[in-house]
C-alpha atoms as a PDB file:
ATOM      1  CA  MET A   1       4.487  38.816 100.731  1.00  0.00           C
ATOM      2  CA  GLN A   2       4.328  42.047 102.721  1.00  0.00           C
ATOM      3  CA  PRO A   3       2.408  44.933 101.142  1.00  0.00           C
ATOM      4  CA  ASP A   4       4.382  48.074 100.341  1.00  0.00           C
ATOM      5  CA  MET A   5       3.444  50.914 102.685  1.00  0.00           C
ATOM      6  CA  ASN A   6       3.442  53.282  99.676  1.00  0.00           C
ATOM      7  CA  GLN A   7       1.218  51.068  97.563  1.00  0.00           C
ATOM      8  CA  THR A   8      -2.000  52.626  96.304  1.00  0.00           C
ATOM      9  CA  SER A   9      -5.062  51.191  94.617  1.00  0.00           C
ATOM     10  CA  PRO A  10      -5.115  51.237  90.786  1.00  0.00           C
ATOM     11  CA  SER A  11      -7.720  54.008  90.763  1.00  0.00           C
ATOM     12  CA  SER A  12      -5.864  56.319  93.151  1.00  0.00           C
ATOM     13  CA  THR A  13      -3.162  58.829  92.378  1.00  0.00           C
ATOM     14  CA  PRO A  14      -0.253  59.042  94.820  1.00  0.00           C
ATOM     15  CA  ASP A  15       0.066  62.360  96.620  1.00  0.00           C
ATOM     16  CA  PRO A  16       3.389  63.772  95.362  1.00  0.00           C
ATOM     17  CA  ARG A  17       4.010  65.476  98.702  1.00  0.00           C
ATOM     18  CA  ARG A  18       3.509  62.199 100.544  1.00  0.00           C
ATOM     19  CA  VAL A  19       5.769  60.332  98.151  1.00  0.00           C
ATOM     20  CA  ALA A  20       8.484  62.955  98.669  1.00  0.00           C
ATOM     21  CA  ALA A  21       8.002  62.840 102.443  1.00  0.00           C
ATOM     22  CA  ARG A  22       8.323  59.044 102.439  1.00  0.00           C
ATOM     23  CA  ALA A  23      11.547  59.289 100.443  1.00  0.00           C
ATOM     24  CA  ARG A  24      12.890  61.766 102.985  1.00  0.00           C
ATOM     25  CA  LEU A  25      11.824  59.594 105.925  1.00  0.00           C
ATOM     26  CA  ASP A  26      13.548  56.604 104.344  1.00  0.00           C
ATOM     27  CA  ARG A  27      16.735  58.675 104.014  1.00  0.00           C
ATOM     28  CA  LEU A  28      16.500  59.891 107.607  1.00  0.00           C
ATOM     29  CA  TRP A  29      16.389  56.389 109.068  1.00  0.00           C
ATOM     30  CA  SER A  30      18.378  54.604 106.357  1.00  0.00           C
ATOM     31  CA  ALA A  31      21.223  53.841 108.791  1.00  0.00           C
ATOM     32  CA  GLY A  32      18.686  52.142 111.053  1.00  0.00           C
ATOM     33  CA  THR A  33      16.846  50.149 108.402  1.00  0.00           C
ATOM     34  CA  SER A  34      20.127  49.059 106.841  1.00  0.00           C
ATOM     35  CA  PHE A  35      21.454  47.903 110.217  1.00  0.00           C
ATOM     36  CA  LEU A  36      18.283  46.099 111.238  1.00  0.00           C
ATOM     37  CA  GLY A  37      17.290  44.765 107.823  1.00  0.00           C
ATOM     38  CA  SER A  38      13.749  46.058 108.364  1.00  0.00           C
ATOM     39  CA  GLU A  39      11.419  48.253 106.342  1.00  0.00           C
ATOM     40  CA  VAL A  40      11.095  50.865 109.074  1.00  0.00           C
ATOM     41  CA  ALA A  41      13.625  51.647 111.815  1.00  0.00           C
ATOM     42  CA  LEU A  42      11.243  50.919 114.685  1.00  0.00           C
ATOM     43  CA  LEU A  43      12.329  48.365 117.285  1.00  0.00           C
ATOM     44  CA  GLY A  44      10.090  46.687 119.793  1.00  0.00           C
ATOM     45  CA  GLY A  45      11.337  47.173 123.332  1.00  0.00           C
ATOM     46  CA  ALA A  46      12.106  43.868 125.043  1.00  0.00           C
ATOM     47  CA  MET A  47       9.513  43.392 127.800  1.00  0.00           C
ATOM     48  CA  SER A  48       9.546  40.285 129.995  1.00  0.00           C
ATOM     49  CA  TRP A  49       6.433  38.088 129.581  1.00  0.00           C
ATOM     50  CA  ILE A  50       5.231  40.349 126.730  1.00  0.00           C
ATOM     51  CA  SER A  51       7.964  40.341 124.076  1.00  0.00           C
ATOM     52  CA  GLU A  52       7.528  36.695 123.115  1.00  0.00           C
ATOM     53  CA  ARG A  53       6.920  34.899 119.818  1.00  0.00           C
ATOM     54  CA  HIS A  54       3.520  36.458 119.033  1.00  0.00           C
ATOM     55  CA  LEU A  55       4.373  40.113 119.570  1.00  0.00           C
ATOM     56  CA  VAL A  56       7.916  39.870 118.213  1.00  0.00           C
ATOM     57  CA  SER A  57       6.849  38.184 114.974  1.00  0.00           C
ATOM     58  CA  ALA A  58       3.964  40.654 114.581  1.00  0.00           C
ATOM     59  CA  ILE A  59       6.355  43.613 114.800  1.00  0.00           C
ATOM     60  CA  SER A  60       8.765  42.099 112.283  1.00  0.00           C
ATOM     61  CA  ASN A  61       5.972  41.054 109.915  1.00  0.00           C
ATOM     62  CA  ALA A  62       4.614  44.615 109.996  1.00  0.00           C
ATOM     63  CA  GLY A  63       7.952  45.985 108.795  1.00  0.00           C
ATOM     64  CA  GLY A  64       9.514  46.798 112.157  1.00  0.00           C
ATOM     65  CA  PHE A  65      12.117  44.902 114.154  1.00  0.00           C
ATOM     66  CA  GLY A  66      10.878  42.692 116.981  1.00  0.00           C
ATOM     67  CA  VAL A  67      13.113  41.827 119.936  1.00  0.00           C
ATOM     68  CA  LEU A  68      12.586  38.744 122.108  1.00  0.00           C
ATOM     69  CA  ALA A  69      12.987  39.290 125.845  1.00  0.00           C
ATOM     70  CA  CYS A  70      15.041  36.408 127.245  1.00  0.00           C
ATOM     71  CA  GLY A  71      14.839  37.641 130.829  1.00  0.00           C
ATOM     72  CA  ALA A  72      15.415  34.753 133.217  1.00  0.00           C
ATOM     73  CA  MET A  73      14.910  32.019 130.591  1.00  0.00           C
ATOM     74  CA  GLU A  74      17.251  29.052 130.606  1.00  0.00           C
ATOM     75  CA  PRO A  75      19.033  28.172 127.323  1.00  0.00           C
ATOM     76  CA  ASP A  76      16.632  25.386 126.303  1.00  0.00           C
ATOM     77  CA  ARG A  77      13.633  27.642 126.856  1.00  0.00           C
ATOM     78  CA  LEU A  78      15.222  30.454 124.833  1.00  0.00           C
ATOM     79  CA  ALA A  79      15.988  28.046 121.988  1.00  0.00           C
ATOM     80  CA  GLU A  80      12.302  27.055 121.948  1.00  0.00           C
ATOM     81  CA  GLU A  81      11.130  30.658 121.825  1.00  0.00           C
ATOM     82  CA  ILE A  82      13.542  31.582 119.035  1.00  0.00           C
ATOM     83  CA  ALA A  83      12.426  28.600 116.965  1.00  0.00           C
ATOM     84  CA  ALA A  84       8.758  29.435 117.579  1.00  0.00           C
ATOM     85  CA  THR A  85       9.347  33.025 116.482  1.00  0.00           C
ATOM     86  CA  GLN A  86      11.205  31.904 113.357  1.00  0.00           C
ATOM     87  CA  ALA A  87       8.208  29.723 112.518  1.00  0.00           C
ATOM     88  CA  ARG A  88       5.997  32.832 112.575  1.00  0.00           C
ATOM     89  CA  THR A  89       8.204  35.222 110.587  1.00  0.00           C
ATOM     90  CA  THR A  90      10.923  35.075 107.965  1.00  0.00           C
ATOM     91  CA  ARG A  91      11.932  38.641 108.729  1.00  0.00           C
ATOM     92  CA  PRO A  92      14.798  39.722 110.998  1.00  0.00           C
ATOM     93  CA  PHE A  93      14.337  39.967 114.758  1.00  0.00           C
ATOM     94  CA  GLY A  94      16.706  40.241 117.700  1.00  0.00           C
ATOM     95  CA  VAL A  95      17.111  38.713 121.148  1.00  0.00           C
ATOM     96  CA  ASN A  96      17.598  40.753 124.319  1.00  0.00           C
ATOM     97  CA  LEU A  97      19.909  39.105 126.878  1.00  0.00           C
ATOM     98  CA  ILE A  98      20.476  40.300 130.449  1.00  0.00           C
ATOM     99  CA  THR A  99      24.197  40.654 131.111  1.00  0.00           C
ATOM    100  CA  MET A 100      23.770  39.504 134.721  1.00  0.00           C
ATOM    101  CA  HIS A 101      22.265  36.149 133.702  1.00  0.00           C
ATOM    102  CA  PRO A 102      24.421  33.370 135.217  1.00  0.00           C
ATOM    103  CA  ARG A 103      24.346  31.429 131.923  1.00  0.00           C
ATOM    104  CA  LEU A 104      24.944  34.358 129.584  1.00  0.00           C
ATOM    105  CA  ASP A 105      27.609  32.526 127.559  1.00  0.00           C
ATOM    106  CA  ASP A 106      25.224  29.618 126.952  1.00  0.00           C
ATOM    107  CA  LEU A 107      22.439  32.005 125.919  1.00  0.00           C
ATOM    108  CA  VAL A 108      24.766  33.708 123.444  1.00  0.00           C
ATOM    109  CA  LYS A 109      25.576  30.306 121.948  1.00  0.00           C
ATOM    110  CA  VAL A 110      21.854  29.536 121.615  1.00  0.00           C
ATOM    111  CA  CYS A 111      21.352  32.765 119.680  1.00  0.00           C
ATOM    112  CA  LEU A 112      24.300  32.131 117.385  1.00  0.00           C
ATOM    113  CA  ASP A 113      23.354  28.494 116.760  1.00  0.00           C
ATOM    114  CA  ALA A 114      19.833  29.626 115.808  1.00  0.00           C
ATOM    115  CA  GLY A 115      21.146  32.203 113.344  1.00  0.00           C
ATOM    116  CA  VAL A 116      19.914  35.250 115.270  1.00  0.00           C
ATOM    117  CA  GLY A 117      21.433  38.266 113.576  1.00  0.00           C
ATOM    118  CA  HIS A 118      21.192  40.846 116.382  1.00  0.00           C
ATOM    119  CA  VAL A 119      21.826  40.368 120.101  1.00  0.00           C
ATOM    120  CA  VAL A 120      20.787  43.189 122.430  1.00  0.00           C
ATOM    121  CA  LEU A 121      22.716  43.262 125.717  1.00  0.00           C
ATOM    122  CA  ALA A 122      20.883  44.931 128.594  1.00  0.00           C
ATOM    123  CA  GLY A 123      20.889  45.203 132.377  1.00  0.00           C
ATOM    124  CA  GLY A 124      24.524  46.233 132.776  1.00  0.00           C
ATOM    125  CA  ILE A 125      27.765  46.952 130.943  1.00  0.00           C
ATOM    126  CA  PRO A 126      28.593  43.972 128.704  1.00  0.00           C
ATOM    127  CA  SER A 127      32.045  42.454 128.936  1.00  0.00           C
ATOM    128  CA  GLY A 128      34.563  42.556 126.115  1.00  0.00           C
ATOM    129  CA  PRO A 129      34.672  38.744 125.739  1.00  0.00           C
ATOM    130  CA  VAL A 130      30.870  38.538 125.382  1.00  0.00           C
ATOM    131  CA  ILE A 131      30.856  41.274 122.733  1.00  0.00           C
ATOM    132  CA  ARG A 132      33.645  39.514 120.830  1.00  0.00           C
ATOM    133  CA  ALA A 133      31.920  36.130 121.061  1.00  0.00           C
ATOM    134  CA  ILE A 134      28.745  37.530 119.523  1.00  0.00           C
ATOM    135  CA  LYS A 135      30.591  39.365 116.747  1.00  0.00           C
ATOM    136  CA  ASP A 136      32.854  36.376 116.015  1.00  0.00           C
ATOM    137  CA  GLY A 137      29.708  34.272 115.758  1.00  0.00           C
ATOM    138  CA  GLY A 138      28.408  36.496 112.978  1.00  0.00           C
ATOM    139  CA  ALA A 139      25.786  38.519 114.871  1.00  0.00           C
ATOM    140  CA  LYS A 140      25.605  42.243 115.573  1.00  0.00           C
ATOM    141  CA  VAL A 141      25.753  43.647 119.103  1.00  0.00           C
ATOM    142  CA  VAL A 142      23.396  46.314 120.392  1.00  0.00           C
ATOM    143  CA  ALA A 143      23.919  47.821 123.858  1.00  0.00           C
ATOM    144  CA  PHE A 144      22.250  50.436 126.055  1.00  0.00           C
ATOM    145  CA  ALA A 145      24.030  53.670 126.910  1.00  0.00           C
ATOM    146  CA  PRO A 146      22.437  55.770 129.694  1.00  0.00           C
ATOM    147  CA  ALA A 147      25.196  58.395 129.467  1.00  0.00           C
ATOM    148  CA  TYR A 148      27.595  59.826 126.878  1.00  0.00           C
ATOM    149  CA  VAL A 149      30.691  58.595 128.705  1.00  0.00           C
ATOM    150  CA  LEU A 150      29.353  55.042 128.572  1.00  0.00           C
ATOM    151  CA  ALA A 151      28.353  55.441 124.929  1.00  0.00           C
ATOM    152  CA  LYS A 152      31.975  56.285 124.053  1.00  0.00           C
ATOM    153  CA  ARG A 153      33.235  53.329 126.059  1.00  0.00           C
ATOM    154  CA  LEU A 154      30.849  50.895 124.354  1.00  0.00           C
ATOM    155  CA  VAL A 155      31.885  52.157 120.919  1.00  0.00           C
ATOM    156  CA  ARG A 156      35.515  51.488 121.830  1.00  0.00           C
ATOM    157  CA  MET A 157      34.531  48.006 123.025  1.00  0.00           C
ATOM    158  CA  GLY A 158      33.166  47.248 119.571  1.00  0.00           C
ATOM    159  CA  VAL A 159      29.373  47.292 119.860  1.00  0.00           C
ATOM    160  CA  ASP A 160      27.640  47.744 116.518  1.00  0.00           C
ATOM    161  CA  ALA A 161      24.772  49.988 117.666  1.00  0.00           C
ATOM    162  CA  LEU A 162      23.474  51.775 120.735  1.00  0.00           C
ATOM    163  CA  VAL A 163      20.104  52.443 122.309  1.00  0.00           C
ATOM    164  CA  ILE A 164      19.851  55.579 124.435  1.00  0.00           C
ATOM    165  CA  GLU A 165      16.815  55.152 126.670  1.00  0.00           C
ATOM    166  CA  GLY A 166      15.409  58.020 128.675  1.00  0.00           C
ATOM    167  CA  SER A 167      13.858  57.840 132.121  1.00  0.00           C
ATOM    168  CA  GLU A 168      10.394  58.244 130.536  1.00  0.00           C
ATOM    169  CA  ALA A 169      10.538  54.558 129.558  1.00  0.00           C
ATOM    170  CA  GLY A 170       8.730  51.761 131.358  1.00  0.00           C
ATOM    171  CA  GLY A 171      10.426  49.127 133.495  1.00  0.00           C
ATOM    172  CA  HIS A 172      14.001  49.570 134.710  1.00  0.00           C
ATOM    173  CA  VAL A 173      15.144  53.094 133.916  1.00  0.00           C
ATOM    174  CA  GLY A 174      18.057  55.436 134.359  1.00  0.00           C
ATOM    175  CA  PRO A 175      17.877  58.943 135.830  1.00  0.00           C
ATOM    176  CA  VAL A 176      18.141  61.060 132.642  1.00  0.00           C
ATOM    177  CA  SER A 177      15.382  62.006 130.200  1.00  0.00           C
ATOM    178  CA  LEU A 178      15.634  61.177 126.508  1.00  0.00           C
ATOM    179  CA  THR A 179      15.552  64.894 125.691  1.00  0.00           C
ATOM    180  CA  VAL A 180      18.829  65.376 127.547  1.00  0.00           C
ATOM    181  CA  LEU A 181      20.424  62.095 126.474  1.00  0.00           C
ATOM    182  CA  ALA A 182      19.762  62.903 122.822  1.00  0.00           C
ATOM    183  CA  GLN A 183      21.543  66.244 123.172  1.00  0.00           C
ATOM    184  CA  GLU A 184      24.475  64.603 124.934  1.00  0.00           C
ATOM    185  CA  VAL A 185      24.914  61.656 122.586  1.00  0.00           C
ATOM    186  CA  LEU A 186      23.470  62.173 119.097  1.00  0.00           C
ATOM    187  CA  PRO A 187      25.750  65.037 117.966  1.00  0.00           C
ATOM    188  CA  PHE A 188      28.878  63.115 118.936  1.00  0.00           C
ATOM    189  CA  ILE A 189      28.299  59.394 118.238  1.00  0.00           C
ATOM    190  CA  ARG A 190      28.212  59.160 114.460  1.00  0.00           C
ATOM    191  CA  ASP A 191      30.209  56.023 113.631  1.00  0.00           C
ATOM    192  CA  ILE A 192      27.466  53.553 114.585  1.00  0.00           C
ATOM    193  CA  PRO A 193      23.650  53.713 114.582  1.00  0.00           C
ATOM    194  CA  VAL A 194      22.055  55.178 117.717  1.00  0.00           C
ATOM    195  CA  PHE A 195      18.396  54.384 118.434  1.00  0.00           C
ATOM    196  CA  VAL A 196      16.321  56.521 120.806  1.00  0.00           C
ATOM    197  CA  ALA A 197      13.858  55.169 123.371  1.00  0.00           C
ATOM    198  CA  GLY A 198      11.758  56.321 126.285  1.00  0.00           C
ATOM    199  CA  GLY A 199       8.363  57.997 126.216  1.00  0.00           C
ATOM    200  CA  LEU A 200       7.948  57.744 122.447  1.00  0.00           C
ATOM    201  CA  GLY A 201       4.382  57.333 121.228  1.00  0.00           C
ATOM    202  CA  ARG A 202       4.042  59.437 118.065  1.00  0.00           C
ATOM    203  CA  GLY A 203       5.747  59.493 114.689  1.00  0.00           C
ATOM    204  CA  ASP A 204       6.278  63.258 114.627  1.00  0.00           C
ATOM    205  CA  ALA A 205       8.330  63.014 117.821  1.00  0.00           C
ATOM    206  CA  ILE A 206      10.397  60.235 116.265  1.00  0.00           C
ATOM    207  CA  VAL A 207      11.108  62.458 113.240  1.00  0.00           C
ATOM    208  CA  SER A 208      12.530  65.146 115.507  1.00  0.00           C
ATOM    209  CA  TYR A 209      15.090  62.683 116.860  1.00  0.00           C
ATOM    210  CA  LEU A 210      15.916  61.364 113.385  1.00  0.00           C
ATOM    211  CA  GLU A 211      16.722  64.929 112.356  1.00  0.00           C
ATOM    212  CA  GLN A 212      19.082  65.168 115.327  1.00  0.00           C
ATOM    213  CA  GLY A 213      20.953  62.121 114.057  1.00  0.00           C
ATOM    214  CA  ALA A 214      19.124  59.114 115.510  1.00  0.00           C
ATOM    215  CA  ALA A 215      19.011  56.021 113.301  1.00  0.00           C
ATOM    216  CA  GLY A 216      15.574  54.948 114.524  1.00  0.00           C
ATOM    217  CA  ALA A 217      13.450  54.494 117.616  1.00  0.00           C
ATOM    218  CA  GLN A 218      12.518  51.796 120.112  1.00  0.00           C
ATOM    219  CA  LEU A 219       8.985  51.601 121.536  1.00  0.00           C
ATOM    220  CA  GLY A 220       7.616  49.250 124.162  1.00  0.00           C
ATOM    221  CA  THR A 221       4.542  50.624 125.916  1.00  0.00           C
ATOM    222  CA  ARG A 222       2.418  51.089 122.792  1.00  0.00           C
ATOM    223  CA  PHE A 223       3.157  47.560 121.577  1.00  0.00           C
ATOM    224  CA  ALA A 224       2.458  46.083 125.033  1.00  0.00           C
ATOM    225  CA  ALA A 225      -1.191  47.132 124.739  1.00  0.00           C
ATOM    226  CA  SER A 226      -1.624  45.931 121.150  1.00  0.00           C
ATOM    227  CA  THR A 227      -4.016  43.208 120.039  1.00  0.00           C
ATOM    228  CA  ASP A 228      -0.950  41.103 119.166  1.00  0.00           C
ATOM    229  CA  SER A 229       0.302  41.219 122.767  1.00  0.00           C
ATOM    230  CA  ILE A 230      -0.502  38.203 124.955  1.00  0.00           C
ATOM    231  CA  ALA A 231      -0.842  40.480 127.991  1.00  0.00           C
ATOM    232  CA  HIS A 232      -4.052  40.016 129.970  1.00  0.00           C
ATOM    233  CA  GLU A 233      -6.991  42.197 128.928  1.00  0.00           C
ATOM    234  CA  ARG A 234      -7.014  43.840 132.369  1.00  0.00           C
ATOM    235  CA  PHE A 235      -3.361  44.775 131.845  1.00  0.00           C
ATOM    236  CA  LYS A 236      -4.172  46.406 128.500  1.00  0.00           C
ATOM    237  CA  LYS A 237      -7.237  48.178 129.883  1.00  0.00           C
ATOM    238  CA  ALA A 238      -5.076  49.635 132.653  1.00  0.00           C
ATOM    239  CA  PHE A 239      -2.882  51.166 129.935  1.00  0.00           C
ATOM    240  CA  ILE A 240      -5.897  52.605 128.122  1.00  0.00           C
ATOM    241  CA  ARG A 241      -7.228  54.202 131.326  1.00  0.00           C
ATOM    242  CA  ALA A 242      -3.881  55.622 132.430  1.00  0.00           C
ATOM    243  CA  ASN A 243      -2.432  59.099 132.023  1.00  0.00           C
ATOM    244  CA  ALA A 244       1.250  59.899 131.647  1.00  0.00           C
ATOM    245  CA  ARG A 245       1.479  61.020 135.296  1.00  0.00           C
ATOM    246  CA  ASP A 246       0.226  57.609 136.463  1.00  0.00           C
ATOM    247  CA  ALA A 247       3.460  55.962 135.283  1.00  0.00           C
ATOM    248  CA  VAL A 248       5.855  56.671 138.137  1.00  0.00           C
ATOM    249  CA  THR A 249       9.177  55.276 139.300  1.00  0.00           C
ATOM    250  CA  SER A 250       9.412  53.173 142.448  1.00  0.00           C
ATOM    251  CA  VAL A 251      10.044  55.210 145.599  1.00  0.00           C
ATOM    252  CA  GLN A 252      13.041  54.623 147.871  1.00  0.00           C
ATOM    253  CA  LEU A 253      12.464  55.485 151.544  1.00  0.00           C
ATOM    254  CA  ASP A 254      16.001  55.191 152.889  1.00  0.00           C
ATOM    255  CA  GLU A 255      19.280  55.664 151.019  1.00  0.00           C
ATOM    256  CA  ARG A 256      20.833  52.838 153.058  1.00  0.00           C
ATOM    257  CA  PHE A 257      18.482  50.451 151.268  1.00  0.00           C
ATOM    258  CA  PRO A 258      18.637  51.218 147.540  1.00  0.00           C
ATOM    259  CA  VAL A 259      15.600  50.515 145.387  1.00  0.00           C
ATOM    260  CA  ILE A 260      16.202  49.937 141.678  1.00  0.00           C
ATOM    261  CA  PRO A 261      14.087  52.541 139.855  1.00  0.00           C
ATOM    262  CA  VAL A 262      11.290  50.869 137.892  1.00  0.00           C
ATOM    263  CA  ARG A 263       8.595  52.874 136.117  1.00  0.00           C
ATOM    264  CA  GLY A 264       5.065  51.494 136.249  1.00  0.00           C
ATOM    265  CA  LEU A 265       1.478  52.422 136.993  1.00  0.00           C
ATOM    266  CA  PHE A 266       0.938  53.356 140.636  1.00  0.00           C
ATOM    267  CA  ASN A 267      -1.429  50.862 142.259  1.00  0.00           C
ATOM    268  CA  GLU A 268      -2.196  49.067 145.524  1.00  0.00           C
ATOM    269  CA  GLY A 269       1.054  47.120 145.168  1.00  0.00           C
ATOM    270  CA  SER A 270       2.954  50.425 145.038  1.00  0.00           C
ATOM    271  CA  ARG A 271       1.304  51.512 148.283  1.00  0.00           C
ATOM    272  CA  ARG A 272       2.081  48.195 149.950  1.00  0.00           C
ATOM    273  CA  PHE A 273       5.713  48.474 148.825  1.00  0.00           C
ATOM    274  CA  LEU A 274       6.035  51.796 150.631  1.00  0.00           C
ATOM    275  CA  ALA A 275       4.524  50.256 153.773  1.00  0.00           C
ATOM    276  CA  HIS A 276       6.793  47.212 153.395  1.00  0.00           C
ATOM    277  CA  GLN A 277       9.888  49.409 153.203  1.00  0.00           C
ATOM    278  CA  ALA A 278       8.800  51.340 156.293  1.00  0.00           C
ATOM    279  CA  GLU A 279       8.177  48.136 158.278  1.00  0.00           C
ATOM    280  CA  THR A 280      11.469  46.608 157.113  1.00  0.00           C
ATOM    281  CA  LEU A 281      13.303  49.770 158.137  1.00  0.00           C
ATOM    282  CA  ARG A 282      11.652  49.595 161.599  1.00  0.00           C
ATOM    283  CA  ARG A 283      12.726  45.950 161.998  1.00  0.00           C
ATOM    284  CA  PHE A 284      16.294  46.817 160.981  1.00  0.00           C
ATOM    285  CA  GLN A 285      16.485  49.706 163.422  1.00  0.00           C
ATOM    286  CA  SER A 286      15.129  47.533 166.238  1.00  0.00           C
ATOM    287  CA  GLY A 287      17.760  44.870 165.539  1.00  0.00           C
ATOM    288  CA  GLU A 288      15.354  42.219 164.247  1.00  0.00           C
ATOM    289  CA  LEU A 289      17.070  42.210 160.835  1.00  0.00           C
ATOM    290  CA  THR A 290      20.631  42.683 159.694  1.00  0.00           C
ATOM    291  CA  LYS A 291      21.299  45.219 156.944  1.00  0.00           C
ATOM    292  CA  GLU A 292      21.729  42.397 154.424  1.00  0.00           C
ATOM    293  CA  GLN A 293      18.487  40.708 155.513  1.00  0.00           C
ATOM    294  CA  ALA A 294      16.595  43.989 155.287  1.00  0.00           C
ATOM    295  CA  GLN A 295      17.933  44.700 151.796  1.00  0.00           C
ATOM    296  CA  LEU A 296      16.923  41.234 150.575  1.00  0.00           C
ATOM    297  CA  ASP A 297      13.499  41.614 152.160  1.00  0.00           C
ATOM    298  CA  ILE A 298      12.944  44.835 150.207  1.00  0.00           C
ATOM    299  CA  GLU A 299      14.278  43.385 146.947  1.00  0.00           C
ATOM    300  CA  HIS A 300      12.097  40.278 147.158  1.00  0.00           C
ATOM    301  CA  PHE A 301       8.860  42.236 147.548  1.00  0.00           C
ATOM    302  CA  TRP A 302       8.176  42.397 143.803  1.00  0.00           C
ATOM    303  CA  ALA A 303       9.290  38.824 143.000  1.00  0.00           C
ATOM    304  CA  GLY A 304       6.862  37.338 140.480  1.00  0.00           C
ATOM    305  CA  SER A 305       4.789  40.520 140.380  1.00  0.00           C
ATOM    306  CA  LEU A 306       5.333  41.293 136.689  1.00  0.00           C
ATOM    307  CA  ARG A 307       3.939  37.916 135.660  1.00  0.00           C
ATOM    308  CA  ARG A 308       1.069  38.444 138.101  1.00  0.00           C
ATOM    309  CA  ALA A 309       0.099  41.624 136.249  1.00  0.00           C
ATOM    310  CA  VAL A 310       0.856  40.630 132.649  1.00  0.00           C
ATOM    311  CA  ILE A 311      -0.346  37.022 132.612  1.00  0.00           C
ATOM    312  CA  ASP A 312      -2.768  36.751 135.544  1.00  0.00           C
ATOM    313  CA  GLY A 313      -4.240  40.229 135.118  1.00  0.00           C
ATOM    314  CA  ASP A 314      -3.772  41.306 138.739  1.00  0.00           C
ATOM    315  CA  VAL A 315      -3.185  44.964 137.938  1.00  0.00           C
ATOM    316  CA  GLU A 316      -3.774  46.090 141.542  1.00  0.00           C
ATOM    317  CA  ASN A 317      -1.073  44.022 143.228  1.00  0.00           C
ATOM    318  CA  GLY A 318       1.204  43.140 140.319  1.00  0.00           C
ATOM    319  CA  SER A 319       3.881  45.285 138.684  1.00  0.00           C
ATOM    320  CA  VAL A 320       2.254  47.134 135.767  1.00  0.00           C
ATOM    321  CA  MET A 321       5.421  48.370 134.070  1.00  0.00           C
ATOM    322  CA  ALA A 322       4.635  51.197 131.663  1.00  0.00           C
ATOM    323  CA  GLY A 323       6.358  54.214 130.176  1.00  0.00           C
ATOM    324  CA  GLN A 324       4.977  57.736 130.290  1.00  0.00           C
ATOM    325  CA  SER A 325       3.775  57.338 126.695  1.00  0.00           C
ATOM    326  CA  VAL A 326       0.976  55.231 128.225  1.00  0.00           C
ATOM    327  CA  GLY A 327      -1.135  58.381 128.222  1.00  0.00           C
ATOM    328  CA  MET A 328      -1.193  58.282 124.404  1.00  0.00           C
ATOM    329  CA  ILE A 329      -2.867  54.873 124.325  1.00  0.00           C
ATOM    330  CA  THR A 330      -6.616  55.240 123.893  1.00  0.00           C
ATOM    331  CA  SER A 331      -7.555  51.856 122.409  1.00  0.00           C
ATOM    332  CA  GLU A 332      -6.211  48.437 121.480  1.00  0.00           C
ATOM    333  CA  GLN A 333      -4.658  48.462 118.024  1.00  0.00           C
ATOM    334  CA  SER A 334      -2.867  45.832 116.017  1.00  0.00           C
ATOM    335  CA  VAL A 335       0.899  46.159 115.713  1.00  0.00           C
ATOM    336  CA  ARG A 336       0.475  46.809 111.996  1.00  0.00           C
ATOM    337  CA  ASP A 337      -1.940  49.682 112.669  1.00  0.00           C
ATOM    338  CA  ILE A 338       0.404  51.155 115.267  1.00  0.00           C
ATOM    339  CA  ILE A 339       3.352  51.105 112.874  1.00  0.00           C
ATOM    340  CA  ASP A 340       1.253  52.491 110.017  1.00  0.00           C
ATOM    341  CA  GLU A 341       0.022  55.266 112.313  1.00  0.00           C
ATOM    342  CA  LEU A 342       3.548  56.141 113.442  1.00  0.00           C
ATOM    343  CA  VAL A 343       4.721  56.319 109.825  1.00  0.00           C
ATOM    344  CA  ASP A 344       1.709  58.429 108.818  1.00  0.00           C
ATOM    345  CA  GLN A 345       2.392  60.852 111.670  1.00  0.00           C
ATOM    346  CA  ALA A 346       6.047  61.062 110.627  1.00  0.00           C
ATOM    347  CA  LEU A 347       5.054  61.816 107.038  1.00  0.00           C
ATOM    348  CA  ASP A 348       2.541  64.456 108.129  1.00  0.00           C
ATOM    349  CA  ALA A 349       5.263  66.141 110.187  1.00  0.00           C
ATOM    350  CA  LEU A 350       7.647  66.192 107.234  1.00  0.00           C
ATOM    351  CA  ILE A 351       4.942  67.585 104.931  1.00  0.00           C
ATOM    352  CA  ARG A 352       4.141  70.347 107.427  1.00  0.00           C
ATOM    353  CA  GLN A 353       7.816  71.128 107.670  1.00  0.00           C
ATOM    354  CA  GLU A 354       8.106  71.364 103.896  1.00  0.00           C
ATOM    355  CA  ASP A 355       5.032  73.611 103.735  1.00  0.00           C
ATOM    356  CA  ARG A 356       6.544  75.970 106.311  1.00  0.00           C
ATOM    357  CA  MET A 357       9.784  76.168 104.348  1.00  0.00           C
ATOM    358  CA  ARG A 358       7.903  77.046 101.171  1.00  0.00           C
ATOM    359  CA  ARG A 359       5.959  79.813 102.907  1.00  0.00           C
ATOM    360  CA  GLU A 360       9.192  81.292 104.185  1.00  0.00           C
END
């Protein structure tokens, strides 16, 4: 049985201010905890190669809401990972599916057959039939909205919750910061829970978004470097060494050859990618490559590089995806300690707020 985060030893007396702050925090994210079925409204961001059975179950067991990253998995492999996660936790968790996956319908069926309660659709705008299939199968649909206009459209399409992720996040990102997205979306989308993501590393920051109307928050970078993450030790140490400014988006040299923006730690691979783009552009201009061949050549540069960094530990040549919150990571912590710390920081912020109000 999971210990209560408010539980105190028999000899201790609860701090009334902390008890009141916890009650307020629980009210602030009640829409999120009710939707997720978790103790705290903190989701784990779905990170390929990292958000697997160990990390996902650890987040859920610590009172948060873990999310499996399906990525390029085939249906049988996803079924295995779901079953393995269910063997490690009895608490709710979700599955993140990429809308562009060629076997998306089969992956949805795997989730529904396994009794997964929440399916997160990422990597593009989900179709109406996919949303209906998930809802008809008894699961809830979560989708990403990088802009207010898309948020409204997704609500009309019937999604049950949204994640608004700012450009501060790691991995594939949109062009707008969470600060701006929150102002565009939170005051106007009130019918369904909206979770914030991107650059979040402290509980007091999360509280500020809850007070704006967010139902909870999604974090990835901090959990990626946890002791519960299977990521290579060199990968985690790279996070500990890094500053916020080290997590940059991939650079595009020529607008004729688009580069999908991905935020990660700048390394030797980043430098080689710039050189590769320049050489590919030269070959295109000299007629050695067609436009299509040049585009594919650029896109294939990073193939397999995330696994190289996460699993093999090649943090110089692999893709070390990280959000700008990486600068807040100073040591390896367990998922439970991270969540406890985030909650403590949130409570401290609420207590300080209450103290200011009393002085006024």
